[in-house]
Amino acid sequence: MGIGQLTDTILSRLEEAAADARTAFEPTVRLGITGLARAGKTVFITSLVSNLLDRGRMLGLEAAAEGRILAAYLQPQPDDTVPRFDYEGNLAALTGATPHWPESTRAISQLRLSLRLRPGGMLSSMRGARTVHIDIIDYPGEWLLDLALLEQPFAEWSATALARARQASRASLADGWLAQLEQSDPLAALDEPRAQALAAGFTAYLAAARNAGLSPGAPGRFLLPGDLAGSPALTFAPLPTPSGRPAAASLYRAFERRYDAYRSQIVKPFFKAHFARIDRQIVLMDVLGALHSGPAAMQDMRDDMAAVLAAFRPGADNWLGRLMRRRVDKILFAATKADYLHHTSHDDLTALSEALLREAADRARFKGARTSAMAIAALRSTVEQRVQHEGADLDCVRGLLATTGREAALFPGEFPSDPDQVLSAARAGHQNWLQGDFELMSFLPQPGARRKGEGLSHIRMDQAAQFLLGDKL
């Protein structure tokens, strides 16, 4: 080894030792943020960062209320191979001259926010300020649902996916793909154009289900393929188990191999590299959207919550259970878009979210981490207003309608106060949903959502931050 190489090696070791020392004195909290389509992950992260940088609206976060956060600043994300979350671009979309919702999450991204803190407690005068790094990891919730595939062989997954596609709520969405399937022989030799057509038909059905407010379920990368679009690992579909023994060159064996490749080469590495390193997690839920879409959508959300909780189940007797055993100790399930309701209905929205979580936790036999449910709005897009109608006072919300851009007051109706009634109707697959008593509209961001010294206007973002981060600050 030459002198130059030796010097480089010594410097490298010294840098590593310095990094280890910084980690010991500057703890890092890795906060995972996920949720299914339209739950508002991008807006949540933008609002969280905005309100930690300018803390005028964060009185529910004890460290902020006590004035112990001396400074907050963004730093380069620590993982050089993970894209940076575009905080500045998303903030500009929400606060520009014509505010609009930013693009949805389509891949993993990351952001590091560092907080300089004055210590609290009786001995605070004897200790100096310290730094806590918050690494925010944003990833699509559809990827989280892929976890169930790791314990499901191809035949089992196929049977489950086919049964789901044939449900009454989905049959019309899946009829084109199911018709393709009827004309395909799993025992026939692999024909690549037919295989691609089957995969495309399956993907189209998943997209139609998502657009109808239903959960597409796994595989999550089919709707968010990124660089994998067109690869064999994303060119398969569920197949009925054939009566005969499939040959190695058959369509069935080809799809089985591709399914296994999807699990081993795409899903498993993601969870090892990113998911297993998360300390705290928030799962965003569009409960209002599911309620508006109907019983099938609500039942899908209930099933998805069971799958999500199973992903965090400690002590599971498998590789992921062993990987996760020492990690996530707090999970927040947040029902978003609380600003679409008058505050008098927020407790009912929280109660419905808690009921969804409770049933899912029972099904997943979940224990170990502390969980909580909360109704939030990462960006408040409405104001409350009481309107008289036919001699009665109605508690409304007023905002800019997403469909027309015009301002309007909305009374969505009586939000259901009995969550058990809602979930029982969803479980039974009722077609008549809430007797038409509850409706929902979508709103645009309002101008003036941020003022000097304050982050974005919100509902309970400070309480969410306190639950997730308060003990670390």
Protein backbone atom coordinates (compact mmCIF):
# COMPACT_ATOMS: atom_id res chain seq x y z
CA MET A 1 0.00 0.00 0.00
CA GLY A 2 1.44 3.39 -0.98
CA ILE A 3 1.71 6.44 1.25
CA GLY A 4 -1.21 8.10 -0.54
CA GLN A 5 -3.47 5.10 -0.13
CA LEU A 6 -2.46 4.75 3.51
CA THR A 7 -3.27 8.41 4.13
CA ASP A 8 -6.66 8.06 2.42
CA THR A 9 -7.43 4.99 4.54
CA ILE A 10 -6.51 6.77 7.77
CA LEU A 11 -8.58 9.82 6.83
CA SER A 12 -11.52 7.60 5.91
CA ARG A 13 -11.35 5.83 9.28
CA LEU A 14 -11.13 9.16 11.10
CA GLU A 15 -14.20 10.43 9.21
CA GLU A 16 -16.12 7.27 10.12
CA ALA A 17 -15.13 7.65 13.78
CA ALA A 18 -16.23 11.31 13.73
CA ALA A 19 -19.55 10.31 12.15
CA ASP A 20 -20.09 7.69 14.86
CA ALA A 21 -19.34 10.28 17.54
CA ARG A 22 -21.79 12.75 16.00
CA THR A 23 -24.48 10.05 15.92
CA ALA A 24 -23.95 9.39 19.61
CA PHE A 25 -24.47 13.07 20.50
CA GLU A 26 -26.88 13.97 17.70
CA PRO A 27 -29.62 11.32 17.69
CA THR A 28 -31.64 10.65 14.56
CA VAL A 29 -35.34 9.77 14.36
CA ARG A 30 -36.36 8.08 11.12
CA LEU A 31 -40.01 8.97 10.52
CA GLY A 32 -41.84 6.91 7.91
CA ILE A 33 -44.82 8.52 6.21
CA THR A 34 -47.16 6.53 4.03
CA GLY A 35 -50.79 6.14 3.02
CA LEU A 36 -52.80 4.97 0.06
CA ALA A 37 -53.65 7.09 -2.97
CA ARG A 38 -55.20 10.50 -2.28
CA ALA A 39 -54.52 10.33 1.46
CA GLY A 40 -52.33 13.44 1.29
CA LYS A 41 -48.76 12.28 2.01
CA THR A 42 -47.08 15.06 0.03
CA VAL A 43 -49.13 17.79 1.69
CA PHE A 44 -48.58 16.26 5.12
CA ILE A 45 -44.78 16.27 4.78
CA THR A 46 -44.76 19.80 3.37
CA SER A 47 -46.92 21.05 6.23
CA LEU A 48 -44.92 19.20 8.89
CA VAL A 49 -41.64 20.70 7.68
CA SER A 50 -43.18 24.15 7.21
CA ASN A 51 -44.55 24.13 10.75
CA LEU A 52 -41.31 22.88 12.31
CA LEU A 53 -39.34 25.59 10.52
CA ASP A 54 -41.83 28.31 11.56
CA ARG A 55 -43.52 27.17 14.75
CA GLY A 56 -46.15 29.84 15.38
CA ARG A 57 -48.98 27.30 14.92
CA MET A 58 -47.33 24.45 16.89
CA LEU A 59 -48.41 25.10 20.48
CA GLY A 60 -49.43 21.44 20.85
CA LEU A 61 -45.79 20.42 20.41
CA GLU A 62 -44.34 20.84 23.89
CA ALA A 63 -40.80 21.64 22.80
CA ALA A 64 -42.15 24.46 20.60
CA ALA A 65 -44.60 25.77 23.21
CA GLU A 66 -41.80 25.88 25.81
CA GLY A 67 -39.49 27.71 23.42
CA ARG A 68 -36.89 24.95 23.57
CA ILE A 69 -36.47 24.68 19.77
CA LEU A 70 -33.72 27.21 19.18
CA ALA A 71 -33.35 26.62 15.45
CA ALA A 72 -34.63 24.35 12.68
CA TYR A 73 -32.97 23.89 9.31
CA LEU A 74 -32.98 21.53 6.35
CA GLN A 75 -29.91 19.48 5.50
CA PRO A 76 -29.00 17.12 2.64
CA GLN A 77 -30.69 13.75 3.01
CA PRO A 78 -28.34 11.14 4.47
CA ASP A 79 -28.91 8.43 1.85
CA ASP A 80 -27.15 9.42 -1.35
CA THR A 81 -29.15 6.99 -3.51
CA VAL A 82 -32.60 8.21 -2.38
CA PRO A 83 -34.19 11.23 -4.13
CA ARG A 84 -34.79 14.35 -2.06
CA PHE A 85 -38.37 15.24 -1.20
CA ASP A 86 -39.16 18.42 -3.12
CA TYR A 87 -40.22 20.53 -0.17
CA GLU A 88 -39.67 23.89 -1.85
CA GLY A 89 -41.59 22.94 -5.00
CA ASN A 90 -44.51 21.52 -3.06
CA LEU A 91 -44.65 24.53 -0.76
CA ALA A 92 -44.72 26.83 -3.80
CA ALA A 93 -47.64 24.87 -5.25
CA LEU A 94 -49.64 25.29 -2.02
CA THR A 95 -48.83 28.97 -1.42
CA GLY A 96 -48.41 30.47 -4.90
CA ALA A 97 -50.59 33.05 -6.60
CA THR A 98 -52.91 30.26 -7.77
CA PRO A 99 -52.57 27.56 -5.08
CA HIS A 100 -53.03 23.97 -6.20
CA TRP A 101 -52.41 20.49 -4.86
CA PRO A 102 -48.95 19.11 -5.69
CA GLU A 103 -48.33 15.83 -7.48
CA SER A 104 -48.90 12.63 -5.54
CA THR A 105 -46.16 10.38 -4.18
CA ARG A 106 -44.95 7.95 -6.85
CA ALA A 107 -41.68 6.70 -5.39
CA ILE A 108 -39.58 6.86 -2.26
CA SER A 109 -38.04 10.18 -1.24
CA GLN A 110 -36.33 11.60 1.82
CA LEU A 111 -35.69 14.82 3.68
CA ARG A 112 -33.58 15.62 6.76
CA LEU A 113 -34.75 18.33 9.17
CA SER A 114 -32.42 19.17 12.06
CA LEU A 115 -33.60 20.80 15.29
CA ARG A 116 -31.31 22.60 17.71
CA LEU A 117 -32.82 22.14 21.18
CA ARG A 118 -32.37 23.72 24.58
CA PRO A 119 -32.67 20.97 27.20
CA GLY A 120 -35.58 20.94 29.60
CA GLY A 121 -36.06 19.69 33.13
CA MET A 122 -34.47 20.52 36.48
CA LEU A 123 -30.90 20.01 35.25
CA SER A 124 -31.32 22.00 32.04
CA SER A 125 -28.94 24.74 33.18
CA MET A 126 -26.15 22.18 33.49
CA ARG A 127 -26.49 20.89 29.97
CA GLY A 128 -25.84 22.54 26.65
CA ALA A 129 -27.99 22.65 23.56
CA ARG A 130 -28.20 19.51 21.46
CA THR A 131 -29.22 18.61 17.90
CA VAL A 132 -31.83 16.03 16.87
CA HIS A 133 -32.09 15.00 13.23
CA ILE A 134 -35.47 13.99 11.82
CA ASP A 135 -35.15 11.91 8.67
CA ILE A 136 -38.50 11.91 6.87
CA ILE A 137 -39.01 8.94 4.54
CA ASP A 138 -41.92 9.22 2.12
CA TYR A 139 -43.07 6.10 0.31
CA PRO A 140 -46.31 4.96 -1.38
CA GLY A 141 -48.71 3.03 0.83
CA GLU A 142 -49.28 0.57 -2.00
CA TRP A 143 -45.71 -0.63 -1.42
CA LEU A 144 -46.52 -1.37 2.21
CA LEU A 145 -49.38 -3.66 1.18
CA ASP A 146 -46.86 -5.71 -0.81
CA LEU A 147 -45.60 -7.09 2.48
CA ALA A 148 -48.38 -9.69 2.54
CA LEU A 149 -46.97 -11.20 -0.65
CA LEU A 150 -43.80 -12.29 1.13
CA GLU A 151 -45.76 -14.96 2.99
CA GLN A 152 -48.03 -15.94 0.09
CA PRO A 153 -47.01 -18.40 -2.64
CA PHE A 154 -48.27 -17.67 -6.15
CA ALA A 155 -51.20 -20.09 -5.98
CA GLU A 156 -52.50 -18.59 -2.72
CA TRP A 157 -52.13 -15.01 -3.93
CA SER A 158 -53.84 -15.87 -7.22
CA ALA A 159 -56.83 -17.44 -5.48
CA THR A 160 -57.25 -14.41 -3.20
CA ALA A 161 -56.88 -11.89 -6.04
CA LEU A 162 -59.34 -13.74 -8.29
CA ALA A 163 -61.94 -14.03 -5.52
CA ARG A 164 -61.63 -10.32 -4.84
CA ALA A 165 -61.97 -9.41 -8.53
CA ARG A 166 -65.22 -11.39 -8.70
CA GLN A 167 -66.85 -9.54 -5.82
CA ALA A 168 -70.03 -7.68 -6.75
CA SER A 169 -68.40 -4.29 -6.18
CA ARG A 170 -65.55 -5.11 -8.60
CA ALA A 171 -67.02 -7.46 -11.19
CA SER A 172 -67.80 -4.72 -13.71
CA LEU A 173 -64.31 -3.27 -13.29
CA ALA A 174 -62.59 -6.61 -13.83
CA ASP A 175 -64.83 -8.09 -16.54
CA GLY A 176 -62.43 -7.28 -19.42
CA TRP A 177 -59.45 -8.86 -17.71
CA LEU A 178 -61.49 -11.85 -16.48
CA ALA A 179 -62.70 -12.42 -20.04
CA GLN A 180 -59.05 -12.51 -21.19
CA LEU A 181 -58.33 -15.01 -18.45
CA GLU A 182 -61.16 -17.29 -19.57
CA GLN A 183 -59.54 -17.55 -23.00
CA SER A 184 -56.08 -18.37 -21.59
CA ASP A 185 -54.75 -21.83 -20.78
CA PRO A 186 -52.31 -21.77 -17.82
CA LEU A 187 -50.85 -25.08 -19.06
CA ALA A 188 -50.10 -23.75 -22.55
CA ALA A 189 -46.58 -22.78 -23.54
CA LEU A 190 -45.61 -19.23 -22.65
CA ASP A 191 -46.52 -16.77 -25.39
CA GLU A 192 -44.99 -13.41 -24.48
CA PRO A 193 -47.52 -11.16 -26.28
CA ARG A 194 -50.39 -12.99 -24.52
CA ALA A 195 -48.55 -12.75 -21.21
CA GLN A 196 -48.11 -9.01 -21.68
CA ALA A 197 -51.78 -8.61 -22.60
CA LEU A 198 -52.87 -10.47 -19.45
CA ALA A 199 -50.60 -8.33 -17.27
CA ALA A 200 -51.88 -5.14 -18.95
CA GLY A 201 -55.49 -6.23 -18.43
CA PHE A 202 -54.81 -6.96 -14.77
CA THR A 203 -53.11 -3.58 -14.32
CA ALA A 204 -56.05 -1.80 -16.00
CA TYR A 205 -58.43 -3.50 -13.56
CA LEU A 206 -56.30 -2.37 -10.57
CA ALA A 207 -56.32 1.21 -11.91
CA ALA A 208 -60.10 1.11 -12.40
CA ALA A 209 -60.56 -0.12 -8.83
CA ARG A 210 -58.41 2.70 -7.48
CA ASN A 211 -60.31 5.29 -9.55
CA ALA A 212 -63.58 3.93 -8.15
CA GLY A 213 -62.37 4.56 -4.60
CA LEU A 214 -61.54 0.90 -3.93
CA SER A 215 -58.20 -0.43 -2.77
CA PRO A 216 -56.13 -1.86 -5.62
CA GLY A 217 -54.20 -4.01 -3.15
CA ALA A 218 -50.96 -5.76 -4.03
CA PRO A 219 -48.78 -5.77 -6.11
CA GLY A 220 -48.29 -2.08 -5.42
CA ARG A 221 -45.65 -1.52 -8.14
CA PHE A 222 -48.13 -2.35 -10.92
CA LEU A 223 -49.65 1.11 -10.61
CA LEU A 224 -46.35 2.81 -9.71
CA PRO A 225 -43.81 0.93 -11.85
CA GLY A 226 -41.14 3.62 -12.27
CA ASP A 227 -38.05 2.18 -13.97
CA LEU A 228 -39.52 -1.33 -13.74
CA ALA A 229 -42.25 -0.66 -16.33
CA GLY A 230 -42.27 -3.44 -18.93
CA SER A 231 -39.89 -5.69 -17.00
CA PRO A 232 -40.71 -9.40 -16.59
CA ALA A 233 -40.97 -8.86 -12.81
CA LEU A 234 -44.06 -6.71 -13.51
CA THR A 235 -45.43 -8.86 -16.31
CA PHE A 236 -47.60 -11.41 -14.58
CA ALA A 237 -51.18 -11.78 -13.34
CA PRO A 238 -53.16 -14.12 -11.10
CA LEU A 239 -53.99 -17.47 -12.69
CA PRO A 240 -56.35 -20.23 -11.54
CA THR A 241 -54.54 -23.30 -10.28
CA PRO A 242 -54.50 -25.78 -13.18
CA SER A 243 -55.75 -29.33 -12.76
CA GLY A 244 -52.69 -30.84 -14.43
CA ARG A 245 -49.00 -30.46 -13.67
CA PRO A 246 -47.62 -27.30 -15.34
CA ALA A 247 -44.53 -27.74 -17.48
CA ALA A 248 -41.48 -25.58 -16.88
CA ALA A 249 -42.16 -23.65 -20.11
CA SER A 250 -45.88 -23.11 -19.39
CA LEU A 251 -47.62 -19.78 -18.82
CA TYR A 252 -48.37 -20.77 -15.22
CA ARG A 253 -44.73 -21.52 -14.35
CA ALA A 254 -43.56 -18.33 -16.07
CA PHE A 255 -45.98 -16.18 -14.04
CA GLU A 256 -45.06 -18.06 -10.88
CA ARG A 257 -41.35 -17.36 -11.47
CA ARG A 258 -42.02 -13.68 -12.17
CA TYR A 259 -44.17 -13.38 -9.06
CA ASP A 260 -41.35 -14.89 -6.99
CA ALA A 261 -38.86 -12.49 -8.62
CA TYR A 262 -41.13 -9.56 -7.74
CA ARG A 263 -41.12 -10.65 -4.11
CA SER A 264 -37.42 -11.48 -3.81
CA GLN A 265 -35.88 -8.78 -6.01
CA ILE A 266 -38.22 -5.83 -5.53
CA VAL A 267 -40.29 -6.12 -2.37
CA LYS A 268 -37.82 -7.72 0.01
CA PRO A 269 -34.88 -5.38 -0.76
CA PHE A 270 -37.10 -2.33 -0.20
CA PHE A 271 -38.13 -3.47 3.24
CA LYS A 272 -34.57 -4.40 4.17
CA ALA A 273 -33.06 -1.13 2.94
CA HIS A 274 -35.70 1.36 4.09
CA PHE A 275 -38.72 0.04 5.94
CA ALA A 276 -36.77 -1.92 8.57
CA ARG A 277 -34.83 1.22 9.57
CA ILE A 278 -37.91 3.28 10.48
CA ASP A 279 -38.34 4.35 14.13
CA ARG A 280 -41.75 6.04 14.01
CA GLN A 281 -44.51 5.71 11.44
CA ILE A 282 -47.60 7.64 10.40
CA VAL A 283 -50.21 6.04 8.15
CA LEU A 284 -52.54 8.54 6.47
CA MET A 285 -56.09 7.39 5.75
CA ASP A 286 -58.69 8.98 3.48
CA VAL A 287 -61.58 7.86 5.68
CA LEU A 288 -63.89 10.52 4.25
CA GLY A 289 -63.18 9.34 0.71
CA ALA A 290 -63.92 5.72 1.65
CA LEU A 291 -67.11 6.75 3.44
CA HIS A 292 -68.22 8.69 0.39
CA SER A 293 -67.37 5.85 -2.03
CA GLY A 294 -69.49 3.28 -0.23
CA PRO A 295 -69.46 0.06 1.79
CA ALA A 296 -66.98 -1.79 -0.42
CA ALA A 297 -64.43 1.02 -0.13
CA MET A 298 -64.85 1.13 3.64
CA GLN A 299 -64.37 -2.63 3.90
CA ASP A 300 -61.27 -2.35 1.71
CA MET A 301 -59.85 0.25 4.09
CA ARG A 302 -60.54 -2.03 7.04
CA ASP A 303 -58.69 -4.88 5.30
CA ASP A 304 -55.82 -2.57 4.35
CA MET A 305 -55.40 -1.43 7.96
CA ALA A 306 -55.11 -5.07 9.04
CA ALA A 307 -52.41 -5.60 6.42
CA VAL A 308 -50.57 -2.44 7.50
CA LEU A 309 -50.64 -3.41 11.16
CA ALA A 310 -49.41 -6.88 10.29
CA ALA A 311 -46.41 -5.24 8.66
CA PHE A 312 -45.45 -3.70 12.00
CA ARG A 313 -46.29 -6.72 14.14
CA PRO A 314 -43.30 -7.40 16.41
CA GLY A 315 -42.22 -10.92 17.25
CA ALA A 316 -43.54 -12.51 14.08
CA ASP A 317 -41.82 -15.80 13.36
CA ASN A 318 -40.40 -14.84 9.98
CA TRP A 319 -37.46 -12.87 8.58
CA LEU A 320 -39.34 -9.56 8.68
CA GLY A 321 -40.52 -10.11 12.25
CA ARG A 322 -36.93 -10.65 13.33
CA LEU A 323 -35.85 -7.60 11.32
CA MET A 324 -38.52 -5.36 12.86
CA ARG A 325 -38.31 -6.60 16.43
CA ARG A 326 -36.38 -3.64 17.83
CA ARG A 327 -37.76 -0.85 15.67
CA VAL A 328 -41.09 0.96 15.36
CA ASP A 329 -42.50 1.82 18.78
CA LYS A 330 -45.13 4.41 17.80
CA ILE A 331 -47.59 4.39 14.90
CA LEU A 332 -50.09 7.17 14.24
CA PHE A 333 -53.11 6.50 12.03
CA ALA A 334 -54.37 9.87 10.84
CA ALA A 335 -57.68 10.50 9.11
CA THR A 336 -56.90 13.35 6.74
CA LYS A 337 -59.05 16.17 5.30
CA ALA A 338 -60.70 16.97 8.63
CA ASP A 339 -61.14 20.51 7.29
CA TYR A 340 -63.87 19.14 5.00
CA LEU A 341 -66.00 18.76 8.14
CA HIS A 342 -67.14 21.25 10.76
CA HIS A 343 -65.19 20.80 13.98
CA THR A 344 -68.31 19.44 15.69
CA SER A 345 -67.90 16.27 13.57
CA HIS A 346 -64.17 15.77 14.21
CA ASP A 347 -64.72 13.55 17.26
CA ASP A 348 -66.97 11.28 15.17
CA LEU A 349 -64.31 11.08 12.45
CA THR A 350 -61.73 10.11 15.06
CA ALA A 351 -64.09 7.52 16.54
CA LEU A 352 -64.63 5.91 13.14
CA SER A 353 -60.86 5.85 12.56
CA GLU A 354 -60.29 4.27 15.98
CA ALA A 355 -62.90 1.62 15.21
CA LEU A 356 -61.18 0.82 11.90
CA LEU A 357 -57.89 0.55 13.73
CA ARG A 358 -59.31 -1.57 16.55
CA GLU A 359 -60.81 -4.17 14.24
CA ALA A 360 -57.66 -4.27 12.15
CA ALA A 361 -55.48 -4.66 15.25
CA ASP A 362 -57.61 -7.56 16.46
CA ARG A 363 -57.32 -9.29 13.11
CA ALA A 364 -53.57 -8.74 12.97
CA ARG A 365 -53.09 -9.79 16.61
CA PHE A 366 -51.00 -6.65 16.92
CA LYS A 367 -49.18 -5.68 20.09
CA GLY A 368 -45.94 -4.05 21.08
CA ALA A 369 -45.96 -0.54 19.60
CA ARG A 370 -48.08 2.32 20.85
CA THR A 371 -50.76 3.28 18.33
CA SER A 372 -53.15 6.19 18.13
CA ALA A 373 -55.81 7.55 15.77
CA MET A 374 -56.40 11.22 15.06
CA ALA A 375 -58.38 13.47 12.70
CA ILE A 376 -56.12 16.04 11.04
CA ALA A 377 -55.81 18.45 8.13
CA ALA A 378 -52.23 19.07 7.01
CA LEU A 379 -53.43 22.16 5.15
CA ARG A 380 -56.65 23.84 6.15
CA SER A 381 -58.50 24.64 2.92
CA THR A 382 -61.82 25.77 4.43
CA VAL A 383 -63.27 28.09 7.06
CA GLU A 384 -66.29 27.31 9.19
CA GLN A 385 -69.59 29.08 8.78
CA ARG A 386 -73.06 28.74 10.27
CA VAL A 387 -75.79 29.08 7.66
CA GLN A 388 -79.53 29.34 8.13
CA HIS A 389 -81.57 27.02 5.91
CA GLU A 390 -85.34 26.61 6.16
CA GLY A 391 -85.31 27.98 9.69
CA ALA A 392 -82.49 25.73 10.91
CA ASP A 393 -78.83 26.53 11.63
CA LEU A 394 -76.42 24.39 9.66
CA ASP A 395 -72.72 24.03 10.54
CA CYS A 396 -70.94 24.38 7.18
CA VAL A 397 -67.46 24.69 5.76
CA ARG A 398 -66.66 27.25 3.07
CA GLY A 399 -63.93 26.94 0.49
CA LEU A 400 -62.98 26.96 -3.20
CA LEU A 401 -64.57 24.00 -4.96
CA ALA A 402 -62.08 21.84 -6.83
CA THR A 403 -64.55 21.31 -9.67
CA THR A 404 -65.28 24.98 -10.45
CA GLY A 405 -62.80 27.08 -8.45
CA ARG A 406 -65.75 29.06 -7.07
CA GLU A 407 -66.28 29.66 -3.39
CA ALA A 408 -69.16 27.80 -1.80
CA ALA A 409 -70.43 26.73 1.59
CA LEU A 410 -70.99 23.02 2.08
CA PHE A 411 -73.11 21.18 4.61
CA PRO A 412 -72.07 17.56 4.11
CA GLY A 413 -74.89 16.21 6.23
CA GLU A 414 -74.86 14.41 9.53
CA PHE A 415 -71.63 12.52 9.94
CA PRO A 416 -72.37 9.02 11.27
CA SER A 417 -71.99 9.01 15.05
CA ASP A 418 -72.01 5.22 15.47
CA PRO A 419 -68.86 3.68 13.91
CA ASP A 420 -70.08 0.14 14.61
CA GLN A 421 -73.11 0.76 12.41
CA VAL A 422 -70.87 1.94 9.57
CA LEU A 423 -68.46 -0.98 9.83
CA SER A 424 -71.26 -3.53 10.17
CA ALA A 425 -72.87 -2.23 6.99
CA ALA A 426 -69.49 -2.33 5.23
CA ARG A 427 -68.80 -5.88 6.40
CA ALA A 428 -72.22 -7.02 5.22
CA GLY A 429 -71.74 -5.39 1.82
CA HIS A 430 -74.87 -3.22 2.01
CA GLN A 431 -75.73 -1.34 -1.15
CA ASN A 432 -77.73 1.45 0.53
CA TRP A 433 -75.10 3.54 2.23
CA LEU A 434 -75.92 5.88 5.14
CA GLN A 435 -79.37 6.58 3.64
CA GLY A 436 -77.83 9.37 1.56
CA ASP A 437 -77.29 11.49 4.69
CA PHE A 438 -73.64 12.29 4.06
CA GLU A 439 -72.03 13.84 0.98
CA LEU A 440 -68.55 15.13 0.27
CA MET A 441 -66.96 17.74 -1.97
CA SER A 442 -63.32 18.50 -2.75
CA PHE A 443 -61.69 21.88 -2.13
CA LEU A 444 -58.64 23.70 -3.48
CA PRO A 445 -55.97 25.24 -1.25
CA GLN A 446 -56.93 28.76 -0.22
CA PRO A 447 -54.65 31.77 -0.72
CA GLY A 448 -52.99 33.03 2.45
CA ALA A 449 -52.40 29.62 4.05
CA ARG A 450 -49.08 30.82 5.49
CA ARG A 451 -48.20 33.98 7.41
CA LYS A 452 -44.86 35.35 8.57
CA GLY A 453 -43.49 33.35 11.48
CA GLU A 454 -46.07 30.63 10.98
CA GLY A 455 -46.18 27.43 8.98
CA LEU A 456 -49.09 26.31 6.86
CA SER A 457 -52.53 26.57 8.39
CA HIS A 458 -53.53 23.13 9.74
CA ILE A 459 -55.69 21.11 12.11
CA ARG A 460 -53.87 19.11 14.82
CA MET A 461 -50.53 18.85 13.07
CA ASP A 462 -48.96 19.99 16.34
CA GLN A 463 -50.66 17.14 18.20
CA ALA A 464 -49.53 14.64 15.56
CA ALA A 465 -45.95 15.91 15.89
CA GLN A 466 -46.13 15.66 19.69
CA PHE A 467 -47.25 12.03 19.53
CA LEU A 468 -44.60 11.06 16.99
CA LEU A 469 -41.64 13.18 18.11
CA GLY A 470 -42.37 14.80 21.47
CA ASP A 471 -40.45 12.32 23.61
CA LYS A 472 -37.40 12.62 21.32
CA LEU A 473 -37.31 16.41 21.73
